[in-house]
Amino acid sequence: MSDHPEFHSLRRAQRRFGIRATMLSVGGFLLYVLLSSFVPAVMNQPLFGRLTLGLTLGLGQFVVMGVTAWWYVRYMRTRVDPLARGLRSRLYETESRRGRSAAPPQGAGQPLQHGTRGFRTW
Protein backbone atom coordinates (compact mmCIF):
# COMPACT_ATOMS: atom_id res chain seq x y z
CA MET A 1 0.00 0.00 0.00
CA SER A 2 2.84 2.43 0.74
CA ASP A 3 3.94 2.20 -2.90
CA HIS A 4 0.53 3.30 -4.19
CA PRO A 5 0.53 6.79 -5.79
CA GLU A 6 -2.64 7.77 -3.93
CA PHE A 7 -0.95 6.95 -0.64
CA HIS A 8 1.86 9.34 -1.56
CA SER A 9 -0.60 12.10 -2.45
CA LEU A 10 -2.38 11.52 0.87
CA ARG A 11 0.87 11.85 2.78
CA ARG A 12 1.82 14.96 0.78
CA ALA A 13 -1.53 16.58 1.59
CA GLN A 14 -1.12 15.85 5.30
CA ARG A 15 2.48 17.05 5.33
CA ARG A 16 1.64 20.22 3.40
CA PHE A 17 -1.05 21.12 5.90
CA GLY A 18 1.17 20.29 8.87
CA ILE A 19 3.89 22.62 7.68
CA ARG A 20 1.48 25.50 7.07
CA ALA A 21 -0.35 25.05 10.37
CA THR A 22 2.90 24.84 12.29
CA MET A 23 4.20 27.99 10.63
CA LEU A 24 0.99 29.85 11.49
CA SER A 25 0.85 28.70 15.11
CA VAL A 26 4.52 28.81 16.03
CA GLY A 27 5.14 31.90 13.92
CA GLY A 28 2.37 33.84 15.65
CA PHE A 29 3.60 32.82 19.08
CA LEU A 30 7.24 33.55 18.23
CA LEU A 31 6.29 36.99 16.89
CA TYR A 32 4.48 37.73 20.14
CA VAL A 33 7.46 36.63 22.26
CA LEU A 34 9.94 38.59 20.15
CA LEU A 35 7.83 41.74 20.29
CA SER A 36 7.45 41.36 24.06
CA SER A 37 11.18 40.90 24.52
CA PHE A 38 12.65 43.45 22.14
CA VAL A 39 9.96 46.13 21.74
CA PRO A 40 8.27 46.44 25.13
CA ALA A 41 7.34 50.09 24.49
CA VAL A 42 5.15 49.05 21.58
CA MET A 43 3.59 46.20 23.55
CA ASN A 44 2.76 48.62 26.42
CA GLN A 45 0.78 50.95 24.15
CA PRO A 46 -2.64 51.45 25.74
CA LEU A 47 -5.62 50.67 23.49
CA PHE A 48 -8.67 51.11 25.74
CA GLY A 49 -8.23 52.00 29.38
CA ARG A 50 -5.88 49.41 30.90
CA LEU A 51 -5.97 47.13 27.84
CA THR A 52 -2.59 47.20 26.10
CA LEU A 53 -1.47 46.03 22.68
CA GLY A 54 0.60 43.26 24.31
CA LEU A 55 -2.36 41.91 26.25
CA THR A 56 -4.51 42.01 23.12
CA LEU A 57 -1.88 40.16 21.11
CA GLY A 58 -1.50 37.62 23.93
CA LEU A 59 -5.23 36.95 23.93
CA GLY A 60 -5.03 36.79 20.15
CA GLN A 61 -3.04 33.58 20.54
CA PHE A 62 -6.29 31.86 21.48
CA VAL A 63 -7.81 33.14 18.25
CA VAL A 64 -4.84 31.82 16.27
CA MET A 65 -5.23 28.37 17.85
CA GLY A 66 -8.98 28.39 17.17
CA VAL A 67 -8.44 29.35 13.54
CA THR A 68 -5.79 26.65 13.18
CA ALA A 69 -8.16 24.02 14.63
CA TRP A 70 -11.00 25.16 12.33
CA TRP A 71 -8.62 25.13 9.35
CA TYR A 72 -7.47 21.62 10.27
CA VAL A 73 -11.00 20.23 10.36
CA ARG A 74 -11.94 21.94 7.08
CA TYR A 75 -8.78 20.87 5.27
CA MET A 76 -8.99 17.26 6.40
CA ARG A 77 -12.68 16.97 5.45
CA THR A 78 -12.25 18.51 2.02
CA ARG A 79 -8.82 17.29 0.92
CA VAL A 80 -7.49 14.41 2.99
CA ASP A 81 -10.62 12.41 3.87
CA PRO A 82 -11.70 11.91 0.23
CA LEU A 83 -8.22 10.66 -0.65
CA ALA A 84 -8.22 8.30 2.34
CA ARG A 85 -11.69 6.95 1.48
CA GLY A 86 -10.67 6.34 -2.13
CA LEU A 87 -7.48 4.61 -1.08
CA ARG A 88 -9.35 2.48 1.45
CA SER A 89 -11.93 1.37 -1.12
CA ARG A 90 -9.21 0.47 -3.63
CA LEU A 91 -7.39 -1.50 -0.94
CA TYR A 92 -10.56 -3.49 -0.15
CA GLU A 93 -11.14 -4.12 -3.86
CA THR A 94 -7.58 -5.38 -4.26
CA GLU A 95 -7.92 -7.65 -1.24
CA SER A 96 -11.22 -9.06 -2.46
CA ARG A 97 -9.66 -9.87 -5.85
CA ARG A 98 -6.91 -11.78 -4.10
CA GLY A 99 -9.51 -13.99 -2.47
CA ARG A 100 -9.50 -12.34 0.92
CA SER A 101 -12.61 -11.15 2.64
CA ALA A 102 -13.88 -7.86 1.28
CA ALA A 103 -15.27 -6.87 4.67
CA PRO A 104 -13.31 -4.13 6.40
CA PRO A 105 -11.62 -4.89 9.70
CA GLN A 106 -13.80 -4.47 12.73
CA GLY A 107 -14.15 -0.80 13.54
CA ALA A 108 -12.37 0.45 10.42
CA GLY A 109 -13.70 3.80 9.33
CA GLN A 110 -16.02 4.00 12.35
CA PRO A 111 -15.78 6.94 14.75
CA LEU A 112 -14.82 6.22 18.32
CA GLN A 113 -17.66 5.98 20.77
CA HIS A 114 -17.88 8.87 23.20
CA GLY A 115 -16.30 8.11 26.52
CA THR A 116 -14.23 5.13 25.38
CA ARG A 117 -11.40 7.03 23.68
CA GLY A 118 -10.42 3.91 21.84
CA PHE A 119 -9.83 1.83 24.96
CA ARG A 120 -11.66 -1.35 25.78
CA THR A 121 -13.81 -1.37 28.83
CA TRP A 122 -13.79 -4.65 30.71
C-alpha atoms as a PDB file:
ATOM      1  CA  MET A   1       0.000   0.000   0.000  1.00  0.00           C
ATOM      2  CA  SER A   2       2.836   2.433   0.745  1.00  0.00           C
ATOM      3  CA  ASP A   3       3.941   2.197  -2.896  1.00  0.00           C
ATOM      4  CA  HIS A   4       0.532   3.299  -4.185  1.00  0.00           C
ATOM      5  CA  PRO A   5       0.534   6.792  -5.794  1.00  0.00           C
ATOM      6  CA  GLU A   6      -2.642   7.774  -3.932  1.00  0.00           C
ATOM      7  CA  PHE A   7      -0.950   6.954  -0.642  1.00  0.00           C
ATOM      8  CA  HIS A   8       1.859   9.342  -1.557  1.00  0.00           C
ATOM      9  CA  SER A   9      -0.604  12.097  -2.452  1.00  0.00           C
ATOM     10  CA  LEU A  10      -2.382  11.519   0.866  1.00  0.00           C
ATOM     11  CA  ARG A  11       0.872  11.847   2.785  1.00  0.00           C
ATOM     12  CA  ARG A  12       1.824  14.958   0.778  1.00  0.00           C
ATOM     13  CA  ALA A  13      -1.525  16.580   1.591  1.00  0.00           C
ATOM     14  CA  GLN A  14      -1.117  15.853   5.303  1.00  0.00           C
ATOM     15  CA  ARG A  15       2.478  17.052   5.330  1.00  0.00           C
ATOM     16  CA  ARG A  16       1.636  20.222   3.396  1.00  0.00           C
ATOM     17  CA  PHE A  17      -1.047  21.117   5.901  1.00  0.00           C
ATOM     18  CA  GLY A  18       1.165  20.287   8.867  1.00  0.00           C
ATOM     19  CA  ILE A  19       3.891  22.621   7.678  1.00  0.00           C
ATOM     20  CA  ARG A  20       1.479  25.496   7.071  1.00  0.00           C
ATOM     21  CA  ALA A  21      -0.353  25.045  10.371  1.00  0.00           C
ATOM     22  CA  THR A  22       2.900  24.838  12.291  1.00  0.00           C
ATOM     23  CA  MET A  23       4.200  27.990  10.631  1.00  0.00           C
ATOM     24  CA  LEU A  24       0.992  29.847  11.493  1.00  0.00           C
ATOM     25  CA  SER A  25       0.848  28.703  15.109  1.00  0.00           C
ATOM     26  CA  VAL A  26       4.519  28.813  16.029  1.00  0.00           C
ATOM     27  CA  GLY A  27       5.135  31.898  13.925  1.00  0.00           C
ATOM     28  CA  GLY A  28       2.371  33.836  15.651  1.00  0.00           C
ATOM     29  CA  PHE A  29       3.596  32.823  19.080  1.00  0.00           C
ATOM     30  CA  LEU A  30       7.238  33.551  18.226  1.00  0.00           C
ATOM     31  CA  LEU A  31       6.287  36.994  16.885  1.00  0.00           C
ATOM     32  CA  TYR A  32       4.478  37.730  20.144  1.00  0.00           C
ATOM     33  CA  VAL A  33       7.459  36.625  22.260  1.00  0.00           C
ATOM     34  CA  LEU A  34       9.939  38.593  20.148  1.00  0.00           C
ATOM     35  CA  LEU A  35       7.825  41.742  20.293  1.00  0.00           C
ATOM     36  CA  SER A  36       7.452  41.359  24.064  1.00  0.00           C
ATOM     37  CA  SER A  37      11.183  40.902  24.515  1.00  0.00           C
ATOM     38  CA  PHE A  38      12.650  43.452  22.142  1.00  0.00           C
ATOM     39  CA  VAL A  39       9.961  46.130  21.745  1.00  0.00           C
ATOM     40  CA  PRO A  40       8.273  46.445  25.128  1.00  0.00           C
ATOM     41  CA  ALA A  41       7.345  50.092  24.493  1.00  0.00           C
ATOM     42  CA  VAL A  42       5.152  49.050  21.580  1.00  0.00           C
ATOM     43  CA  MET A  43       3.593  46.197  23.551  1.00  0.00           C
ATOM     44  CA  ASN A  44       2.762  48.620  26.415  1.00  0.00           C
ATOM     45  CA  GLN A  45       0.785  50.947  24.154  1.00  0.00           C
ATOM     46  CA  PRO A  46      -2.640  51.445  25.737  1.00  0.00           C
ATOM     47  CA  LEU A  47      -5.616  50.675  23.487  1.00  0.00           C
ATOM     48  CA  PHE A  48      -8.665  51.110  25.741  1.00  0.00           C
ATOM     49  CA  GLY A  49      -8.227  51.997  29.381  1.00  0.00           C
ATOM     50  CA  ARG A  50      -5.877  49.406  30.899  1.00  0.00           C
ATOM     51  CA  LEU A  51      -5.973  47.126  27.844  1.00  0.00           C
ATOM     52  CA  THR A  52      -2.593  47.200  26.097  1.00  0.00           C
ATOM     53  CA  LEU A  53      -1.468  46.028  22.683  1.00  0.00           C
ATOM     54  CA  GLY A  54       0.601  43.265  24.312  1.00  0.00           C
ATOM     55  CA  LEU A  55      -2.364  41.906  26.248  1.00  0.00           C
ATOM     56  CA  THR A  56      -4.509  42.013  23.119  1.00  0.00           C
ATOM     57  CA  LEU A  57      -1.880  40.159  21.106  1.00  0.00           C
ATOM     58  CA  GLY A  58      -1.501  37.625  23.925  1.00  0.00           C
ATOM     59  CA  LEU A  59      -5.231  36.950  23.928  1.00  0.00           C
ATOM     60  CA  GLY A  60      -5.035  36.789  20.151  1.00  0.00           C
ATOM     61  CA  GLN A  61      -3.036  33.577  20.536  1.00  0.00           C
ATOM     62  CA  PHE A  62      -6.291  31.856  21.483  1.00  0.00           C
ATOM     63  CA  VAL A  63      -7.808  33.136  18.249  1.00  0.00           C
ATOM     64  CA  VAL A  64      -4.840  31.824  16.275  1.00  0.00           C
ATOM     65  CA  MET A  65      -5.230  28.372  17.852  1.00  0.00           C
ATOM     66  CA  GLY A  66      -8.976  28.392  17.167  1.00  0.00           C
ATOM     67  CA  VAL A  67      -8.442  29.353  13.536  1.00  0.00           C
ATOM     68  CA  THR A  68      -5.794  26.655  13.181  1.00  0.00           C
ATOM     69  CA  ALA A  69      -8.158  24.018  14.628  1.00  0.00           C
ATOM     70  CA  TRP A  70     -11.001  25.155  12.331  1.00  0.00           C
ATOM     71  CA  TRP A  71      -8.622  25.129   9.351  1.00  0.00           C
ATOM     72  CA  TYR A  72      -7.465  21.616  10.266  1.00  0.00           C
ATOM     73  CA  VAL A  73     -11.004  20.226  10.356  1.00  0.00           C
ATOM     74  CA  ARG A  74     -11.940  21.944   7.082  1.00  0.00           C
ATOM     75  CA  TYR A  75      -8.781  20.868   5.274  1.00  0.00           C
ATOM     76  CA  MET A  76      -8.987  17.263   6.403  1.00  0.00           C
ATOM     77  CA  ARG A  77     -12.676  16.973   5.451  1.00  0.00           C
ATOM     78  CA  THR A  78     -12.251  18.510   2.021  1.00  0.00           C
ATOM     79  CA  ARG A  79      -8.819  17.292   0.915  1.00  0.00           C
ATOM     80  CA  VAL A  80      -7.493  14.408   2.987  1.00  0.00           C
ATOM     81  CA  ASP A  81     -10.621  12.413   3.870  1.00  0.00           C
ATOM     82  CA  PRO A  82     -11.704  11.911   0.226  1.00  0.00           C
ATOM     83  CA  LEU A  83      -8.218  10.663  -0.649  1.00  0.00           C
ATOM     84  CA  ALA A  84      -8.222   8.301   2.337  1.00  0.00           C
ATOM     85  CA  ARG A  85     -11.694   6.950   1.479  1.00  0.00           C
ATOM     86  CA  GLY A  86     -10.672   6.343  -2.127  1.00  0.00           C
ATOM     87  CA  LEU A  87      -7.476   4.608  -1.082  1.00  0.00           C
ATOM     88  CA  ARG A  88      -9.346   2.482   1.448  1.00  0.00           C
ATOM     89  CA  SER A  89     -11.933   1.373  -1.121  1.00  0.00           C
ATOM     90  CA  ARG A  90      -9.215   0.470  -3.628  1.00  0.00           C
ATOM     91  CA  LEU A  91      -7.394  -1.503  -0.939  1.00  0.00           C
ATOM     92  CA  TYR A  92     -10.556  -3.489  -0.153  1.00  0.00           C
ATOM     93  CA  GLU A  93     -11.136  -4.124  -3.863  1.00  0.00           C
ATOM     94  CA  THR A  94      -7.585  -5.381  -4.261  1.00  0.00           C
ATOM     95  CA  GLU A  95      -7.917  -7.648  -1.237  1.00  0.00           C
ATOM     96  CA  SER A  96     -11.218  -9.060  -2.463  1.00  0.00           C
ATOM     97  CA  ARG A  97      -9.661  -9.868  -5.853  1.00  0.00           C
ATOM     98  CA  ARG A  98      -6.914 -11.778  -4.100  1.00  0.00           C
ATOM     99  CA  GLY A  99      -9.506 -13.988  -2.468  1.00  0.00           C
ATOM    100  CA  ARG A 100      -9.497 -12.336   0.915  1.00  0.00           C
ATOM    101  CA  SER A 101     -12.611 -11.148   2.644  1.00  0.00           C
ATOM    102  CA  ALA A 102     -13.883  -7.861   1.277  1.00  0.00           C
ATOM    103  CA  ALA A 103     -15.268  -6.874   4.673  1.00  0.00           C
ATOM    104  CA  PRO A 104     -13.308  -4.126   6.403  1.00  0.00           C
ATOM    105  CA  PRO A 105     -11.619  -4.894   9.702  1.00  0.00           C
ATOM    106  CA  GLN A 106     -13.802  -4.471  12.728  1.00  0.00           C
ATOM    107  CA  GLY A 107     -14.151  -0.795  13.545  1.00  0.00           C
ATOM    108  CA  ALA A 108     -12.371   0.446  10.416  1.00  0.00           C
ATOM    109  CA  GLY A 109     -13.705   3.797   9.333  1.00  0.00           C
ATOM    110  CA  GLN A 110     -16.016   3.999  12.352  1.00  0.00           C
ATOM    111  CA  PRO A 111     -15.784   6.936  14.747  1.00  0.00           C
ATOM    112  CA  LEU A 112     -14.820   6.217  18.322  1.00  0.00           C
ATOM    113  CA  GLN A 113     -17.656   5.979  20.769  1.00  0.00           C
ATOM    114  CA  HIS A 114     -17.882   8.875  23.202  1.00  0.00           C
ATOM    115  CA  GLY A 115     -16.303   8.109  26.522  1.00  0.00           C
ATOM    116  CA  THR A 116     -14.228   5.130  25.382  1.00  0.00           C
ATOM    117  CA  ARG A 117     -11.396   7.031  23.680  1.00  0.00           C
ATOM    118  CA  GLY A 118     -10.424   3.908  21.838  1.00  0.00           C
ATOM    119  CA  PHE A 119      -9.831   1.829  24.964  1.00  0.00           C
ATOM    120  CA  ARG A 120     -11.664  -1.351  25.780  1.00  0.00           C
ATOM    121  CA  THR A 121     -13.812  -1.369  28.830  1.00  0.00           C
ATOM    122  CA  TRP A 122     -13.794  -4.651  30.707  1.00  0.00           C
END
